[in-house]
C-alpha cells in the first residue's frame, strides 16, 4: 500500500468518526515520517549504485584506452 492510499484511508476513518483529531494527526505523522525515512534509505542506495556505475564506466574507459594505445595501435602498421 502506498503512502497516498494510506493517507486516504486515514482521512476516510477520520471523516467517519473512527479516529479522533489527535489520533488522525498522529497516524498521519507516522505515515509521512515512515515515507520520508524509507525514501532516504532508497535514495542513499540509489546514489551509491549510480556512483558505482560511474566508477565502473571510468575504469572501462581506461582499460579500453590502454588496450587501444598499448596493443592495437602499435600493431596497426603490421596489418596487410
C-alpha atoms as a PDB file:
ATOM      1  CA  UNK A   1       0.000   0.000   0.000  1.00  0.00           C
ATOM      2  CA  UNK A   2       1.397   3.369  -0.988  1.00  0.00           C
ATOM      3  CA  UNK A   3       1.624   6.493   1.114  1.00  0.00           C
ATOM      4  CA  UNK A   4      -1.220   8.194  -0.744  1.00  0.00           C
ATOM      5  CA  UNK A   5      -3.506   5.203  -0.200  1.00  0.00           C
ATOM      6  CA  UNK A   6      -2.683   5.101   3.496  1.00  0.00           C
ATOM      7  CA  UNK A   7      -3.407   8.810   3.854  1.00  0.00           C
ATOM      8  CA  UNK A   8      -6.736   8.390   2.025  1.00  0.00           C
ATOM      9  CA  UNK A   9      -7.667   5.508   4.328  1.00  0.00           C
ATOM     10  CA  UNK A  10      -6.813   7.601   7.400  1.00  0.00           C
ATOM     11  CA  UNK A  11      -8.835  10.527   6.052  1.00  0.00           C
ATOM     12  CA  UNK A  12     -11.843   8.254   5.488  1.00  0.00           C
ATOM     13  CA  UNK A  13     -11.566   6.877   9.027  1.00  0.00           C
ATOM     14  CA  UNK A  14     -11.317  10.420  10.398  1.00  0.00           C
ATOM     15  CA  UNK A  15     -14.365  11.602   8.423  1.00  0.00           C
ATOM     16  CA  UNK A  16     -16.401   8.615   9.597  1.00  0.00           C
ATOM     17  CA  UNK A  17     -15.529   9.403  13.216  1.00  0.00           C
ATOM     18  CA  UNK A  18     -13.482   6.270  13.856  1.00  0.00           C
ATOM     19  CA  UNK A  19     -10.403   8.414  14.552  1.00  0.00           C
ATOM     20  CA  UNK A  20     -10.287  11.472  16.736  1.00  0.00           C
ATOM     21  CA  UNK A  21      -8.472  14.600  15.592  1.00  0.00           C
ATOM     22  CA  UNK A  22      -5.428  13.707  17.695  1.00  0.00           C
ATOM     23  CA  UNK A  23      -5.334  10.061  16.528  1.00  0.00           C
ATOM     24  CA  UNK A  24      -5.633  11.190  12.923  1.00  0.00           C
ATOM     25  CA  UNK A  25      -2.774  13.686  13.302  1.00  0.00           C
ATOM     26  CA  UNK A  26      -0.542  11.108  14.996  1.00  0.00           C
ATOM     27  CA  UNK A  27      -1.271   8.424  12.403  1.00  0.00           C
ATOM     28  CA  UNK A  28      -0.737  10.842   9.517  1.00  0.00           C
ATOM     29  CA  UNK A  29       2.573  11.973  11.000  1.00  0.00           C
ATOM     30  CA  UNK A  30       3.694   8.341  11.407  1.00  0.00           C
ATOM     31  CA  UNK A  31       2.835   7.543   7.789  1.00  0.00           C
ATOM     32  CA  UNK A  32       4.657  10.598   6.495  1.00  0.00           C
ATOM     33  CA  UNK A  33       7.678  10.003   8.731  1.00  0.00           C
ATOM     34  CA  UNK A  34       7.883   6.394   7.550  1.00  0.00           C
ATOM     35  CA  UNK A  35       7.674   7.503   3.924  1.00  0.00           C
ATOM     36  CA  UNK A  36      10.431  10.044   4.414  1.00  0.00           C
ATOM     37  CA  UNK A  37      12.818   7.671   6.200  1.00  0.00           C
ATOM     38  CA  UNK A  38      12.211   4.913   3.628  1.00  0.00           C
ATOM     39  CA  UNK A  39      12.775   7.324   0.769  1.00  0.00           C
ATOM     40  CA  UNK A  40      16.039   8.467   2.315  1.00  0.00           C
ATOM     41  CA  UNK A  41      17.382   4.919   2.528  1.00  0.00           C
ATOM     42  CA  UNK A  42      16.322   4.178  -1.031  1.00  0.00           C
ATOM     43  CA  UNK A  43      17.852   7.456  -2.182  1.00  0.00           C
ATOM     44  CA  UNK A  44      21.163   6.654  -0.499  1.00  0.00           C
ATOM     45  CA  UNK A  45      21.251   3.206  -2.106  1.00  0.00           C
ATOM     46  CA  UNK A  46      20.459   4.709  -5.497  1.00  0.00           C
ATOM     47  CA  UNK A  47      23.243   7.254  -5.059  1.00  0.00           C
ATOM     48  CA  UNK A  48      25.736   4.504  -4.211  1.00  0.00           C
ATOM     49  CA  UNK A  49      24.620   2.473  -7.229  1.00  0.00           C
ATOM     50  CA  UNK A  50      24.961   5.417  -9.599  1.00  0.00           C
ATOM     51  CA  UNK A  51      28.379   6.230  -8.159  1.00  0.00           C
ATOM     52  CA  UNK A  52      29.389   2.599  -8.697  1.00  0.00           C
ATOM     53  CA  UNK A  53      28.208   2.777 -12.307  1.00  0.00           C
ATOM     54  CA  UNK A  54      30.198   5.959 -12.936  1.00  0.00           C
ATOM     55  CA  UNK A  55      33.359   4.462 -11.439  1.00  0.00           C
ATOM     56  CA  UNK A  56      32.960   1.261 -13.468  1.00  0.00           C
ATOM     57  CA  UNK A  57      32.421   3.275 -16.661  1.00  0.00           C
ATOM     58  CA  UNK A  58      35.615   5.226 -15.963  1.00  0.00           C
ATOM     59  CA  UNK A  59      37.550   2.008 -15.304  1.00  0.00           C
ATOM     60  CA  UNK A  60      36.183   0.515 -18.526  1.00  0.00           C
ATOM     61  CA  UNK A  61      37.256   3.588 -20.486  1.00  0.00           C
ATOM     62  CA  UNK A  62      40.753   3.438 -19.016  1.00  0.00           C
ATOM     63  CA  UNK A  63      41.064  -0.261 -19.894  1.00  0.00           C
ATOM     64  CA  UNK A  64      39.820   0.451 -23.426  1.00  0.00           C
ATOM     65  CA  UNK A  65      42.352   3.230 -23.985  1.00  0.00           C
ATOM     66  CA  UNK A  66      45.174   1.144 -22.533  1.00  0.00           C
ATOM     67  CA  UNK A  67      44.300  -1.668 -24.912  1.00  0.00           C
ATOM     68  CA  UNK A  68      43.984   0.759 -27.804  1.00  0.00           C
ATOM     69  CA  UNK A  69      47.304   2.534 -27.241  1.00  0.00           C
ATOM     70  CA  UNK A  70      49.404  -0.356 -25.956  1.00  0.00           C
ATOM     71  CA  UNK A  71      48.150  -3.272 -28.068  1.00  0.00           C
ATOM     72  CA  UNK A  72      46.148  -2.226 -31.107  1.00  0.00           C
ATOM     73  CA  UNK A  73      47.838   0.953 -32.351  1.00  0.00           C
ATOM     74  CA  UNK A  74      51.431  -0.359 -32.206  1.00  0.00           C
ATOM     75  CA  UNK A  75      50.350  -3.268 -34.440  1.00  0.00           C
ATOM     76  CA  UNK A  76      48.390  -1.046 -36.843  1.00  0.00           C
ATOM     77  CA  UNK A  77      51.237  -0.845 -39.410  1.00  0.00           C
ATOM     78  CA  UNK A  78      51.775  -4.599 -39.408  1.00  0.00           C
ATOM     79  CA  UNK A  79      48.300  -5.325 -40.811  1.00  0.00           C
ATOM     80  CA  UNK A  80      48.287  -6.017 -44.575  1.00  0.00           C
END
